[in-house]
């Protein structure tokens, strides 16, 4: 059984950075496309970034503005999400999702079969 675990959330000031980690236990992370999503109590789940199994392809939402960067470390069996120049509106619970049948990358939450419990990111001055 695959278990997905996020870590790295915390409290940061506007303009700061955080690196979130997604780890998979039970299988090699290279077998999965990975997506990051976020959600607040006021908004629906929102796509943040995706990376394909081969690492060749990445995908971000249109308004990301280069502030998000997703990458893999297959030796550590982890995928990382680097968040930069954080804004107040980036405050949310960030979720990692893994999908074996994703053909490349996907910004749709329905593409992913396995989800973590989330890690809280709070941007506050």
PDB file of N, CA and C in Angstrom:
ATOM      1  N   UNK A   1       0.831  -1.173   0.000  1.00  0.00           N
ATOM      2  CA  UNK A   1       0.000   0.000   0.000  1.00  0.00           C
ATOM      3  C   UNK A   1       0.882   1.245   0.000  1.00  0.00           C
ATOM      4  N   UNK A   2       0.540   2.184  -0.837  1.00  0.00           N
ATOM      5  CA  UNK A   2       1.327   3.406  -0.962  1.00  0.00           C
ATOM      6  C   UNK A   2       0.886   4.404   0.093  1.00  0.00           C
ATOM      7  N   UNK A   3       1.864   4.991   0.735  1.00  0.00           N
ATOM      8  CA  UNK A   3       1.576   6.055   1.705  1.00  0.00           C
ATOM      9  C   UNK A   3       2.314   7.310   1.258  1.00  0.00           C
ATOM     10  N   UNK A   4       1.581   8.409   1.183  1.00  0.00           N
ATOM     11  CA  UNK A   4       2.141   9.690   0.761  1.00  0.00           C
ATOM     12  C   UNK A   4       2.232  10.605   1.974  1.00  0.00           C
ATOM     13  N   UNK A   5       3.379  11.223   2.180  1.00  0.00           N
ATOM     14  CA  UNK A   5       3.584  12.074   3.345  1.00  0.00           C
ATOM     15  C   UNK A   5       4.238  13.386   2.931  1.00  0.00           C
ATOM     16  N   UNK A   6       3.619  14.490   3.317  1.00  0.00           N
ATOM     17  CA  UNK A   6       4.185  15.814   3.069  1.00  0.00           C
ATOM     18  C   UNK A   6       4.884  16.325   4.331  1.00  0.00           C
ATOM     19  N   UNK A   7       5.853  17.188   4.116  1.00  0.00           N
ATOM     20  CA  UNK A   7       6.510  17.869   5.226  1.00  0.00           C
ATOM     21  C   UNK A   7       7.082  19.180   4.719  1.00  0.00           C
ATOM     22  N   UNK A   8       7.515  20.015   5.644  1.00  0.00           N
ATOM     23  CA  UNK A   8       8.184  21.250   5.277  1.00  0.00           C
ATOM     24  C   UNK A   8       7.360  22.510   5.411  1.00  0.00           C
ATOM     25  N   UNK A   9       6.089  22.368   5.760  1.00  0.00           N
ATOM     26  CA  UNK A   9       5.274  23.561   5.942  1.00  0.00           C
ATOM     27  C   UNK A   9       5.694  24.355   7.166  1.00  0.00           C
ATOM     28  N   UNK A  10       5.162  25.556   7.284  1.00  0.00           N
ATOM     29  CA  UNK A  10       5.485  26.390   8.423  1.00  0.00           C
ATOM     30  C   UNK A  10       4.971  27.796   8.227  1.00  0.00           C
ATOM     31  N   UNK A  11       5.461  28.681   9.080  1.00  0.00           N
ATOM     32  CA  UNK A  11       5.077  30.100   9.030  1.00  0.00           C
ATOM     33  C   UNK A  11       6.236  30.884   8.431  1.00  0.00           C
ATOM     34  N   UNK A  12       5.934  31.721   7.468  1.00  0.00           N
ATOM     35  CA  UNK A  12       6.968  32.504   6.790  1.00  0.00           C
ATOM     36  C   UNK A  12       6.432  33.900   6.500  1.00  0.00           C
ATOM     37  N   UNK A  13       7.311  34.865   6.455  1.00  0.00           N
ATOM     38  CA  UNK A  13       6.907  36.235   6.147  1.00  0.00           C
ATOM     39  C   UNK A  13       6.722  36.412   4.648  1.00  0.00           C
ATOM     40  N   UNK A  14       5.933  37.384   4.248  1.00  0.00           N
ATOM     41  CA  UNK A  14       5.800  37.672   2.812  1.00  0.00           C
ATOM     42  C   UNK A  14       7.167  37.913   2.175  1.00  0.00           C
ATOM     43  N   UNK A  15       7.347  37.340   0.996  1.00  0.00           N
ATOM     44  CA  UNK A  15       8.626  37.419   0.311  1.00  0.00           C
ATOM     45  C   UNK A  15       9.572  36.288   0.642  1.00  0.00           C
ATOM     46  N   UNK A  16       9.227  35.499   1.631  1.00  0.00           N
ATOM     47  CA  UNK A  16      10.081  34.392   2.039  1.00  0.00           C
ATOM     48  C   UNK A  16       9.901  33.168   1.170  1.00  0.00           C
ATOM     49  N   UNK A  17      10.609  32.100   1.547  1.00  0.00           N
ATOM     50  CA  UNK A  17      10.593  30.856   0.771  1.00  0.00           C
ATOM     51  C   UNK A  17      10.400  29.662   1.690  1.00  0.00           C
ATOM     52  N   UNK A  18       9.869  28.599   1.107  1.00  0.00           N
ATOM     53  CA  UNK A  18       9.745  27.323   1.798  1.00  0.00           C
ATOM     54  C   UNK A  18       9.986  26.202   0.794  1.00  0.00           C
ATOM     55  N   UNK A  19      10.510  25.097   1.286  1.00  0.00           N
ATOM     56  CA  UNK A  19      10.636  23.909   0.448  1.00  0.00           C
ATOM     57  C   UNK A  19       9.804  22.796   1.076  1.00  0.00           C
ATOM     58  N   UNK A  20       8.805  22.357   0.358  1.00  0.00           N
ATOM     59  CA  UNK A  20       7.960  21.259   0.800  1.00  0.00           C
ATOM     60  C   UNK A  20       8.476  19.948   0.228  1.00  0.00           C
ATOM     61  N   UNK A  21       8.331  18.884   1.002  1.00  0.00           N
ATOM     62  CA  UNK A  21       8.765  17.562   0.565  1.00  0.00           C
ATOM     63  C   UNK A  21       7.584  16.614   0.494  1.00  0.00           C
ATOM     64  N   UNK A  22       7.646  15.726  -0.485  1.00  0.00           N
ATOM     65  CA  UNK A  22       6.646  14.666  -0.623  1.00  0.00           C
ATOM     66  C   UNK A  22       7.392  13.350  -0.679  1.00  0.00           C
ATOM     67  N   UNK A  23       7.092  12.476   0.250  1.00  0.00           N
ATOM     68  CA  UNK A  23       7.735  11.168   0.292  1.00  0.00           C
ATOM     69  C   UNK A  23       6.691  10.078   0.079  1.00  0.00           C
ATOM     70  N   UNK A  24       7.126   9.011  -0.561  1.00  0.00           N
ATOM     71  CA  UNK A  24       6.261   7.862  -0.784  1.00  0.00           C
ATOM     72  C   UNK A  24       6.893   6.649  -0.138  1.00  0.00           C
ATOM     73  N   UNK A  25       6.104   5.905   0.573  1.00  0.00           N
ATOM     74  CA  UNK A  25       6.580   4.644   1.135  1.00  0.00           C
ATOM     75  C   UNK A  25       5.810   3.507   0.491  1.00  0.00           C
ATOM     76  N   UNK A  26       6.483   2.407   0.308  1.00  0.00           N
ATOM     77  CA  UNK A  26       5.819   1.258  -0.268  1.00  0.00           C
ATOM     78  C   UNK A  26       6.147   1.017  -1.724  1.00  0.00           C
ATOM     79  N   UNK A  27       6.517   2.063  -2.438  1.00  0.00           N
ATOM     80  CA  UNK A  27       6.909   1.930  -3.842  1.00  0.00           C
ATOM     81  C   UNK A  27       7.912   3.022  -4.191  1.00  0.00           C
ATOM     82  N   UNK A  28       8.533   2.861  -5.342  1.00  0.00           N
ATOM     83  CA  UNK A  28       9.478   3.877  -5.806  1.00  0.00           C
ATOM     84  C   UNK A  28       8.717   5.074  -6.362  1.00  0.00           C
ATOM     85  N   UNK A  29       9.129   6.252  -5.971  1.00  0.00           N
ATOM     86  CA  UNK A  29       8.419   7.462  -6.401  1.00  0.00           C
ATOM     87  C   UNK A  29       8.552   7.701  -7.896  1.00  0.00           C
ATOM     88  N   UNK A  30       9.555   7.075  -8.510  1.00  0.00           N
ATOM     89  CA  UNK A  30       9.749   7.241  -9.943  1.00  0.00           C
ATOM     90  C   UNK A  30       8.617   6.590 -10.744  1.00  0.00           C
ATOM     91  N   UNK A  31       7.846   5.718 -10.103  1.00  0.00           N
ATOM     92  CA  UNK A  31       6.716   5.082 -10.768  1.00  0.00           C
ATOM     93  C   UNK A  31       5.477   5.974 -10.826  1.00  0.00           C
ATOM     94  N   UNK A  32       5.579   7.184 -10.243  1.00  0.00           N
ATOM     95  CA  UNK A  32       4.406   8.035 -10.098  1.00  0.00           C
ATOM     96  C   UNK A  32       4.640   9.426 -10.657  1.00  0.00           C
ATOM     97  N   UNK A  33       3.644   9.923 -11.342  1.00  0.00           N
ATOM     98  CA  UNK A  33       3.581  11.368 -11.551  1.00  0.00           C
ATOM     99  C   UNK A  33       3.109  11.987 -10.239  1.00  0.00           C
ATOM    100  N   UNK A  34       3.644  13.160  -9.929  1.00  0.00           N
ATOM    101  CA  UNK A  34       3.337  13.819  -8.656  1.00  0.00           C
ATOM    102  C   UNK A  34       2.698  15.173  -8.922  1.00  0.00           C
ATOM    103  N   UNK A  35       1.667  15.445  -8.167  1.00  0.00           N
ATOM    104  CA  UNK A  35       1.024  16.755  -8.227  1.00  0.00           C
ATOM    105  C   UNK A  35       0.972  17.379  -6.850  1.00  0.00           C
ATOM    106  N   UNK A  36       1.087  18.668  -6.813  1.00  0.00           N
ATOM    107  CA  UNK A  36       0.884  19.444  -5.591  1.00  0.00           C
ATOM    108  C   UNK A  36      -0.373  20.295  -5.770  1.00  0.00           C
ATOM    109  N   UNK A  37      -1.197  20.290  -4.737  1.00  0.00           N
ATOM    110  CA  UNK A  37      -2.406  21.082  -4.727  1.00  0.00           C
ATOM    111  C   UNK A  37      -2.482  21.806  -3.387  1.00  0.00           C
ATOM    112  N   UNK A  38      -3.333  22.803  -3.323  1.00  0.00           N
ATOM    113  CA  UNK A  38      -3.515  23.499  -2.055  1.00  0.00           C
ATOM    114  C   UNK A  38      -4.979  23.834  -1.862  1.00  0.00           C
ATOM    115  N   UNK A  39      -5.355  24.019  -0.610  1.00  0.00           N
ATOM    116  CA  UNK A  39      -6.757  24.299  -0.304  1.00  0.00           C
ATOM    117  C   UNK A  39      -6.862  25.123   0.966  1.00  0.00           C
ATOM    118  N   UNK A  40      -7.825  26.039   0.960  1.00  0.00           N
ATOM    119  CA  UNK A  40      -8.179  26.784   2.153  1.00  0.00           C
ATOM    120  C   UNK A  40      -9.657  26.551   2.433  1.00  0.00           C
ATOM    121  N   UNK A  41     -10.110  27.023   3.580  1.00  0.00           N
ATOM    122  CA  UNK A  41     -11.524  26.848   3.929  1.00  0.00           C
ATOM    123  C   UNK A  41     -12.422  27.671   3.026  1.00  0.00           C
ATOM    124  N   UNK A  42     -11.851  28.709   2.391  1.00  0.00           N
ATOM    125  CA  UNK A  42     -12.666  29.596   1.552  1.00  0.00           C
ATOM    126  C   UNK A  42     -12.625  29.228   0.068  1.00  0.00           C
ATOM    127  N   UNK A  43     -11.654  28.412  -0.331  1.00  0.00           N
ATOM    128  CA  UNK A  43     -11.482  28.117  -1.746  1.00  0.00           C
ATOM    129  C   UNK A  43     -11.520  26.618  -2.004  1.00  0.00           C
ATOM    130  N   UNK A  44     -11.840  26.290  -3.246  1.00  0.00           N
ATOM    131  CA  UNK A  44     -11.748  24.898  -3.665  1.00  0.00           C
ATOM    132  C   UNK A  44     -10.276  24.511  -3.834  1.00  0.00           C
ATOM    133  N   UNK A  45     -10.028  23.206  -3.934  1.00  0.00           N
ATOM    134  CA  UNK A  45      -8.674  22.737  -4.125  1.00  0.00           C
ATOM    135  C   UNK A  45      -8.094  23.331  -5.414  1.00  0.00           C
ATOM    136  N   UNK A  46      -6.852  23.770  -5.331  1.00  0.00           N
ATOM    137  CA  UNK A  46      -6.213  24.515  -6.423  1.00  0.00           C
ATOM    138  C   UNK A  46      -4.910  23.832  -6.812  1.00  0.00           C
ATOM    139  N   UNK A  47      -4.689  23.716  -8.106  1.00  0.00           N
ATOM    140  CA  UNK A  47      -3.478  23.097  -8.626  1.00  0.00           C
ATOM    141  C   UNK A  47      -2.282  24.022  -8.443  1.00  0.00           C
ATOM    142  N   UNK A  48      -1.143  23.436  -8.029  1.00  0.00           N
ATOM    143  CA  UNK A  48       0.065  24.224  -7.811  1.00  0.00           C
ATOM    144  C   UNK A  48       1.178  23.806  -8.771  1.00  0.00           C
ATOM    145  N   UNK A  49       1.419  22.500  -8.899  1.00  0.00           N
ATOM    146  CA  UNK A  49       2.512  22.034  -9.763  1.00  0.00           C
ATOM    147  C   UNK A  49       2.387  20.539  -9.981  1.00  0.00           C
ATOM    148  N   UNK A  50       2.969  20.077 -11.080  1.00  0.00           N
ATOM    149  CA  UNK A  50       2.996  18.648 -11.375  1.00  0.00           C
ATOM    150  C   UNK A  50       4.299  18.289 -12.061  1.00  0.00           C
ATOM    151  N   UNK A  51       4.770  17.067 -11.845  1.00  0.00           N
ATOM    152  CA  UNK A  51       5.973  16.586 -12.499  1.00  0.00           C
ATOM    153  C   UNK A  51       5.723  15.164 -12.983  1.00  0.00           C
ATOM    154  N   UNK A  52       6.219  14.873 -14.176  1.00  0.00           N
ATOM    155  CA  UNK A  52       6.023  13.544 -14.755  1.00  0.00           C
ATOM    156  C   UNK A  52       6.964  12.526 -14.124  1.00  0.00           C
ATOM    157  N   UNK A  53       6.727  11.260 -14.412  1.00  0.00           N
ATOM    158  CA  UNK A  53       7.562  10.191 -13.884  1.00  0.00           C
ATOM    159  C   UNK A  53       9.012  10.354 -14.323  1.00  0.00           C
ATOM    160  N   UNK A  54       9.199  10.803 -15.546  1.00  0.00           N
ATOM    161  CA  UNK A  54      10.546  10.873 -16.121  1.00  0.00           C
ATOM    162  C   UNK A  54      11.281  12.160 -15.780  1.00  0.00           C
ATOM    163  N   UNK A  55      10.587  13.087 -15.122  1.00  0.00           N
ATOM    164  CA  UNK A  55      11.150  14.395 -14.762  1.00  0.00           C
ATOM    165  C   UNK A  55      11.303  15.322 -15.964  1.00  0.00           C
ATOM    166  N   UNK A  56      11.039  14.828 -17.155  1.00  0.00           N
ATOM    167  CA  UNK A  56      11.197  15.666 -18.341  1.00  0.00           C
ATOM    168  C   UNK A  56      10.177  16.791 -18.359  1.00  0.00           C
ATOM    169  N   UNK A  57       8.971  16.502 -17.891  1.00  0.00           N
ATOM    170  CA  UNK A  57       7.891  17.476 -17.982  1.00  0.00           C
ATOM    171  C   UNK A  57       7.450  17.978 -16.615  1.00  0.00           C
ATOM    172  N   UNK A  58       7.232  19.281 -16.546  1.00  0.00           N
ATOM    173  CA  UNK A  58       6.630  19.894 -15.375  1.00  0.00           C
ATOM    174  C   UNK A  58       5.494  20.797 -15.838  1.00  0.00           C
ATOM    175  N   UNK A  59       4.582  21.086 -14.932  1.00  0.00           N
ATOM    176  CA  UNK A  59       3.426  21.896 -15.272  1.00  0.00           C
ATOM    177  C   UNK A  59       3.075  22.766 -14.087  1.00  0.00           C
ATOM    178  N   UNK A  60       2.718  24.005 -14.380  1.00  0.00           N
ATOM    179  CA  UNK A  60       2.324  24.956 -13.352  1.00  0.00           C
ATOM    180  C   UNK A  60       1.075  25.683 -13.832  1.00  0.00           C
ATOM    181  N   UNK A  61       0.303  26.252 -12.891  1.00  0.00           N
ATOM    182  CA  UNK A  61      -0.858  27.026 -13.335  1.00  0.00           C
ATOM    183  C   UNK A  61      -0.411  28.307 -14.014  1.00  0.00           C
ATOM    184  N   UNK A  62      -1.296  28.903 -14.750  1.00  0.00           N
ATOM    185  CA  UNK A  62      -0.945  30.062 -15.550  1.00  0.00           C
ATOM    186  C   UNK A  62      -0.463  31.247 -14.746  1.00  0.00           C
ATOM    187  N   UNK A  63      -0.943  31.433 -13.535  1.00  0.00           N
ATOM    188  CA  UNK A  63      -0.567  32.611 -12.785  1.00  0.00           C
ATOM    189  C   UNK A  63       0.567  32.409 -11.804  1.00  0.00           C
ATOM    190  N   UNK A  64       1.336  31.324 -11.976  1.00  0.00           N
ATOM    191  CA  UNK A  64       2.369  31.006 -10.986  1.00  0.00           C
ATOM    192  C   UNK A  64       3.498  32.036 -10.990  1.00  0.00           C
ATOM    193  N   UNK A  65       3.787  32.615 -12.151  1.00  0.00           N
ATOM    194  CA  UNK A  65       4.789  33.662 -12.218  1.00  0.00           C
ATOM    195  C   UNK A  65       6.181  33.246 -11.840  1.00  0.00           C
ATOM    196  N   UNK A  66       6.486  31.957 -11.987  1.00  0.00           N
ATOM    197  CA  UNK A  66       7.835  31.495 -11.701  1.00  0.00           C
ATOM    198  C   UNK A  66       8.132  31.361 -10.233  1.00  0.00           C
ATOM    199  N   UNK A  67       7.107  31.436  -9.366  1.00  0.00           N
ATOM    200  CA  UNK A  67       7.361  31.363  -7.925  1.00  0.00           C
ATOM    201  C   UNK A  67       7.371  29.940  -7.396  1.00  0.00           C
ATOM    202  N   UNK A  68       6.926  28.967  -8.217  1.00  0.00           N
ATOM    203  CA  UNK A  68       6.900  27.581  -7.789  1.00  0.00           C
ATOM    204  C   UNK A  68       7.881  26.780  -8.642  1.00  0.00           C
ATOM    205  N   UNK A  69       8.546  25.829  -8.001  1.00  0.00           N
ATOM    206  CA  UNK A  69       9.454  24.962  -8.729  1.00  0.00           C
ATOM    207  C   UNK A  69       9.345  23.567  -8.158  1.00  0.00           C
ATOM    208  N   UNK A  70       9.006  22.594  -9.017  1.00  0.00           N
ATOM    209  CA  UNK A  70       8.868  21.207  -8.591  1.00  0.00           C
ATOM    210  C   UNK A  70      10.009  20.400  -9.172  1.00  0.00           C
ATOM    211  N   UNK A  71      10.575  19.525  -8.352  1.00  0.00           N
ATOM    212  CA  UNK A  71      11.667  18.689  -8.832  1.00  0.00           C
ATOM    213  C   UNK A  71      11.733  17.401  -8.024  1.00  0.00           C
ATOM    214  N   UNK A  72      12.438  16.427  -8.592  1.00  0.00           N
ATOM    215  CA  UNK A  72      12.541  15.092  -7.983  1.00  0.00           C
ATOM    216  C   UNK A  72      13.932  14.816  -7.463  1.00  0.00           C
ATOM    217  N   UNK A  73      13.984  13.966  -6.442  1.00  0.00           N
ATOM    218  CA  UNK A  73      15.215  13.310  -6.059  1.00  0.00           C
ATOM    219  C   UNK A  73      14.867  11.834  -5.917  1.00  0.00           C
ATOM    220  N   UNK A  74      15.093  11.072  -6.978  1.00  0.00           N
ATOM    221  CA  UNK A  74      14.677   9.678  -6.974  1.00  0.00           C
ATOM    222  C   UNK A  74      15.526   8.813  -6.041  1.00  0.00           C
ATOM    223  N   UNK A  75      16.716   9.260  -5.720  1.00  0.00           N
ATOM    224  CA  UNK A  75      17.551   8.521  -4.766  1.00  0.00           C
ATOM    225  C   UNK A  75      16.922   8.613  -3.375  1.00  0.00           C
ATOM    226  N   UNK A  76      16.463   9.812  -3.014  1.00  0.00           N
ATOM    227  CA  UNK A  76      15.794  10.002  -1.723  1.00  0.00           C
ATOM    228  C   UNK A  76      14.335   9.560  -1.775  1.00  0.00           C
ATOM    229  N   UNK A  77      13.851   9.231  -2.983  1.00  0.00           N
ATOM    230  CA  UNK A  77      12.444   8.831  -3.143  1.00  0.00           C
ATOM    231  C   UNK A  77      11.488   9.952  -2.735  1.00  0.00           C
ATOM    232  N   UNK A  78      11.838  11.173  -3.147  1.00  0.00           N
ATOM    233  CA  UNK A  78      11.052  12.341  -2.782  1.00  0.00           C
ATOM    234  C   UNK A  78      10.862  13.275  -3.974  1.00  0.00           C
ATOM    235  N   UNK A  79       9.796  14.037  -3.884  1.00  0.00           N
ATOM    236  CA  UNK A  79       9.577  15.160  -4.791  1.00  0.00           C
ATOM    237  C   UNK A  79       9.475  16.418  -3.925  1.00  0.00           C
ATOM    238  N   UNK A  80      10.077  17.490  -4.409  1.00  0.00           N
ATOM    239  CA  UNK A  80      10.116  18.730  -3.650  1.00  0.00           C
ATOM    240  C   UNK A  80       9.346  19.828  -4.389  1.00  0.00           C
ATOM    241  N   UNK A  81       8.771  20.712  -3.622  1.00  0.00           N
ATOM    242  CA  UNK A  81       8.119  21.898  -4.169  1.00  0.00           C
ATOM    243  C   UNK A  81       8.748  23.112  -3.506  1.00  0.00           C
ATOM    244  N   UNK A  82       9.482  23.878  -4.303  1.00  0.00           N
ATOM    245  CA  UNK A  82      10.108  25.103  -3.810  1.00  0.00           C
ATOM    246  C   UNK A  82       9.151  26.261  -4.033  1.00  0.00           C
ATOM    247  N   UNK A  83       8.792  26.931  -2.958  1.00  0.00           N
ATOM    248  CA  UNK A  83       7.906  28.096  -3.019  1.00  0.00           C
ATOM    249  C   UNK A  83       8.736  29.340  -2.720  1.00  0.00           C
ATOM    250  N   UNK A  84       8.689  30.291  -3.604  1.00  0.00           N
ATOM    251  CA  UNK A  84       9.503  31.497  -3.460  1.00  0.00           C
ATOM    252  C   UNK A  84       8.634  32.737  -3.516  1.00  0.00           C
ATOM    253  N   UNK A  85       9.186  33.849  -2.975  1.00  0.00           N
ATOM    254  CA  UNK A  85       8.470  35.127  -2.979  1.00  0.00           C
ATOM    255  C   UNK A  85       7.021  34.927  -2.520  1.00  0.00           C
ATOM    256  N   UNK A  86       6.870  34.284  -1.395  1.00  0.00           N
ATOM    257  CA  UNK A  86       5.535  33.917  -0.928  1.00  0.00           C
ATOM    258  C   UNK A  86       4.691  35.139  -0.609  1.00  0.00           C
ATOM    259  N   UNK A  87       3.399  35.006  -0.894  1.00  0.00           N
ATOM    260  CA  UNK A  87       2.441  36.071  -0.668  1.00  0.00           C
ATOM    261  C   UNK A  87       1.397  35.610   0.344  1.00  0.00           C
ATOM    262  N   UNK A  88       0.682  36.568   0.911  1.00  0.00           N
ATOM    263  CA  UNK A  88      -0.336  36.219   1.892  1.00  0.00           C
ATOM    264  C   UNK A  88      -1.329  35.207   1.330  1.00  0.00           C
ATOM    265  N   UNK A  89      -1.656  35.358   0.055  1.00  0.00           N
ATOM    266  CA  UNK A  89      -2.639  34.471  -0.563  1.00  0.00           C
ATOM    267  C   UNK A  89      -2.122  33.064  -0.827  1.00  0.00           C
ATOM    268  N   UNK A  90      -0.844  32.825  -0.554  1.00  0.00           N
ATOM    269  CA  UNK A  90      -0.305  31.466  -0.664  1.00  0.00           C
ATOM    270  C   UNK A  90      -0.612  30.630   0.581  1.00  0.00           C
ATOM    271  N   UNK A  91      -1.152  31.263   1.610  1.00  0.00           N
ATOM    272  CA  UNK A  91      -1.512  30.542   2.821  1.00  0.00           C
ATOM    273  C   UNK A  91      -2.560  29.481   2.514  1.00  0.00           C
ATOM    274  N   UNK A  92      -2.250  28.225   2.870  1.00  0.00           N
ATOM    275  CA  UNK A  92      -3.155  27.108   2.560  1.00  0.00           C
ATOM    276  C   UNK A  92      -2.557  25.829   3.125  1.00  0.00           C
ATOM    277  N   UNK A  93      -3.352  24.780   3.101  1.00  0.00           N
ATOM    278  CA  UNK A  93      -2.825  23.436   3.322  1.00  0.00           C
ATOM    279  C   UNK A  93      -2.391  22.891   1.963  1.00  0.00           C
ATOM    280  N   UNK A  94      -1.155  22.443   1.885  1.00  0.00           N
ATOM    281  CA  UNK A  94      -0.604  21.934   0.629  1.00  0.00           C
ATOM    282  C   UNK A  94      -0.601  20.409   0.668  1.00  0.00           C
ATOM    283  N   UNK A  95      -1.126  19.827  -0.407  1.00  0.00           N
ATOM    284  CA  UNK A  95      -1.247  18.389  -0.503  1.00  0.00           C
ATOM    285  C   UNK A  95      -0.398  17.843  -1.641  1.00  0.00           C
ATOM    286  N   UNK A  96       0.232  16.712  -1.392  1.00  0.00           N
ATOM    287  CA  UNK A  96       0.946  15.982  -2.426  1.00  0.00           C
ATOM    288  C   UNK A  96       0.081  14.820  -2.876  1.00  0.00           C
ATOM    289  N   UNK A  97       0.056  14.577  -4.183  1.00  0.00           N
ATOM    290  CA  UNK A  97      -0.737  13.485  -4.734  1.00  0.00           C
ATOM    291  C   UNK A  97       0.100  12.699  -5.730  1.00  0.00           C
ATOM    292  N   UNK A  98      -0.086  11.388  -5.742  1.00  0.00           N
ATOM    293  CA  UNK A  98       0.695  10.508  -6.611  1.00  0.00           C
ATOM    294  C   UNK A  98      -0.236   9.723  -7.525  1.00  0.00           C
ATOM    295  N   UNK A  99       0.143   9.629  -8.791  1.00  0.00           N
ATOM    296  CA  UNK A  99      -0.668   8.901  -9.759  1.00  0.00           C
ATOM    297  C   UNK A  99       0.187   8.040 -10.661  1.00  0.00           C
ATOM    298  N   UNK A 100      -0.099   6.746 -10.724  1.00  0.00           N
ATOM    299  CA  UNK A 100       0.676   5.845 -11.585  1.00  0.00           C
ATOM    300  C   UNK A 100       0.234   5.900 -13.035  1.00  0.00           C
ATOM    301  N   UNK A 101      -1.028   6.290 -13.269  1.00  0.00           N
ATOM    302  CA  UNK A 101      -1.567   6.232 -14.635  1.00  0.00           C
ATOM    303  C   UNK A 101      -1.590   7.596 -15.318  1.00  0.00           C
ATOM    304  N   UNK A 102      -0.967   8.574 -14.711  1.00  0.00           N
ATOM    305  CA  UNK A 102      -0.939   9.905 -15.318  1.00  0.00           C
ATOM    306  C   UNK A 102       0.029   9.904 -16.497  1.00  0.00           C
ATOM    307  N   UNK A 103      -0.433  10.224 -17.711  1.00  0.00           N
ATOM    308  CA  UNK A 103       0.460  10.237 -18.883  1.00  0.00           C
ATOM    309  C   UNK A 103       1.196  11.566 -19.001  1.00  0.00           C
ATOM    310  N   UNK A 104       2.193  11.742 -18.201  1.00  0.00           N
ATOM    311  CA  UNK A 104       2.926  13.009 -18.214  1.00  0.00           C
ATOM    312  C   UNK A 104       2.645  13.772 -16.935  1.00  0.00           C
ATOM    313  N   UNK A 105       2.052  14.953 -17.081  1.00  0.00           N
ATOM    314  CA  UNK A 105       1.683  15.757 -15.925  1.00  0.00           C
ATOM    315  C   UNK A 105       0.175  16.004 -15.952  1.00  0.00           C
ATOM    316  N   UNK A 106      -0.371  16.436 -14.841  1.00  0.00           N
ATOM    317  CA  UNK A 106      -1.793  16.748 -14.793  1.00  0.00           C
ATOM    318  C   UNK A 106      -2.085  17.751 -13.710  1.00  0.00           C
ATOM    319  N   UNK A 107      -2.925  18.704 -14.033  1.00  0.00           N
ATOM    320  CA  UNK A 107      -3.385  19.681 -13.062  1.00  0.00           C
ATOM    321  C   UNK A 107      -4.754  19.341 -12.489  1.00  0.00           C
ATOM    322  N   UNK A 108      -5.241  18.160 -12.819  1.00  0.00           N
ATOM    323  CA  UNK A 108      -6.553  17.729 -12.328  1.00  0.00           C
ATOM    324  C   UNK A 108      -6.399  16.798 -11.131  1.00  0.00           C
ATOM    325  N   UNK A 109      -7.080  17.100 -10.050  1.00  0.00           N
ATOM    326  CA  UNK A 109      -6.954  16.271  -8.853  1.00  0.00           C
ATOM    327  C   UNK A 109      -7.476  14.860  -9.091  1.00  0.00           C
ATOM    328  N   UNK A 110      -8.407  14.701 -10.014  1.00  0.00           N
ATOM    329  CA  UNK A 110      -8.959  13.371 -10.280  1.00  0.00           C
ATOM    330  C   UNK A 110      -7.962  12.434 -10.944  1.00  0.00           C
ATOM    331  N   UNK A 111      -6.846  12.963 -11.417  1.00  0.00           N
ATOM    332  CA  UNK A 111      -5.817  12.123 -12.055  1.00  0.00           C
ATOM    333  C   UNK A 111      -5.016  11.318 -11.048  1.00  0.00           C
ATOM    334  N   UNK A 112      -5.096  11.684  -9.796  1.00  0.00           N
ATOM    335  CA  UNK A 112      -4.221  11.113  -8.777  1.00  0.00           C
ATOM    336  C   UNK A 112      -4.983  10.176  -7.843  1.00  0.00           C
ATOM    337  N   UNK A 113      -4.326   9.067  -7.501  1.00  0.00           N
ATOM    338  CA  UNK A 113      -4.974   8.034  -6.698  1.00  0.00           C
ATOM    339  C   UNK A 113      -4.625   8.094  -5.220  1.00  0.00           C
ATOM    340  N   UNK A 114      -3.461   8.628  -4.916  1.00  0.00           N
ATOM    341  CA  UNK A 114      -2.963   8.573  -3.544  1.00  0.00           C
ATOM    342  C   UNK A 114      -2.629   9.971  -3.052  1.00  0.00           C
ATOM    343  N   UNK A 115      -3.137  10.310  -1.893  1.00  0.00           N
ATOM    344  CA  UNK A 115      -2.996  11.658  -1.339  1.00  0.00           C
ATOM    345  C   UNK A 115      -2.415  11.605   0.065  1.00  0.00           C
ATOM    346  N   UNK A 116      -1.627  12.632   0.362  1.00  0.00           N
ATOM    347  CA  UNK A 116      -1.140  12.791   1.708  1.00  0.00           C
ATOM    348  C   UNK A 116      -2.135  13.555   2.571  1.00  0.00           C
ATOM    349  N   UNK A 117      -1.752  13.784   3.817  1.00  0.00           N
ATOM    350  CA  UNK A 117      -2.620  14.462   4.781  1.00  0.00           C
ATOM    351  C   UNK A 117      -2.498  15.976   4.714  1.00  0.00           C
ATOM    352  N   UNK A 118      -1.472  16.453   4.037  1.00  0.00           N
ATOM    353  CA  UNK A 118      -1.309  17.893   3.877  1.00  0.00           C
ATOM    354  C   UNK A 118      -0.340  18.494   4.871  1.00  0.00           C
ATOM    355  N   UNK A 119       0.239  19.614   4.481  1.00  0.00           N
ATOM    356  CA  UNK A 119       1.124  20.373   5.361  1.00  0.00           C
ATOM    357  C   UNK A 119       0.740  21.841   5.271  1.00  0.00           C
ATOM    358  N   UNK A 120       0.647  22.496   6.411  1.00  0.00           N
ATOM    359  CA  UNK A 120       0.152  23.879   6.469  1.00  0.00           C
ATOM    360  C   UNK A 120       1.268  24.857   6.131  1.00  0.00           C
ATOM    361  N   UNK A 121       0.970  25.758   5.213  1.00  0.00           N
ATOM    362  CA  UNK A 121       1.851  26.889   4.904  1.00  0.00           C
ATOM    363  C   UNK A 121       1.097  28.158   5.281  1.00  0.00           C
ATOM    364  N   UNK A 122       1.708  28.953   6.142  1.00  0.00           N
ATOM    365  CA  UNK A 122       1.101  30.206   6.577  1.00  0.00           C
ATOM    366  C   UNK A 122       2.060  31.342   6.263  1.00  0.00           C
ATOM    367  N   UNK A 123       1.585  32.293   5.470  1.00  0.00           N
ATOM    368  CA  UNK A 123       2.373  33.475   5.135  1.00  0.00           C
ATOM    369  C   UNK A 123       1.784  34.638   5.920  1.00  0.00           C
ATOM    370  N   UNK A 124       2.591  35.189   6.798  1.00  0.00           N
ATOM    371  CA  UNK A 124       2.078  36.214   7.700  1.00  0.00           C
ATOM    372  C   UNK A 124       3.182  37.180   8.077  1.00  0.00           C
ATOM    373  N   UNK A 125       2.809  38.460   8.160  1.00  0.00           N
ATOM    374  CA  UNK A 125       3.773  39.446   8.601  1.00  0.00           C
ATOM    375  C   UNK A 125       3.673  39.678  10.101  1.00  0.00           C
TER     376      UNK A 125
END
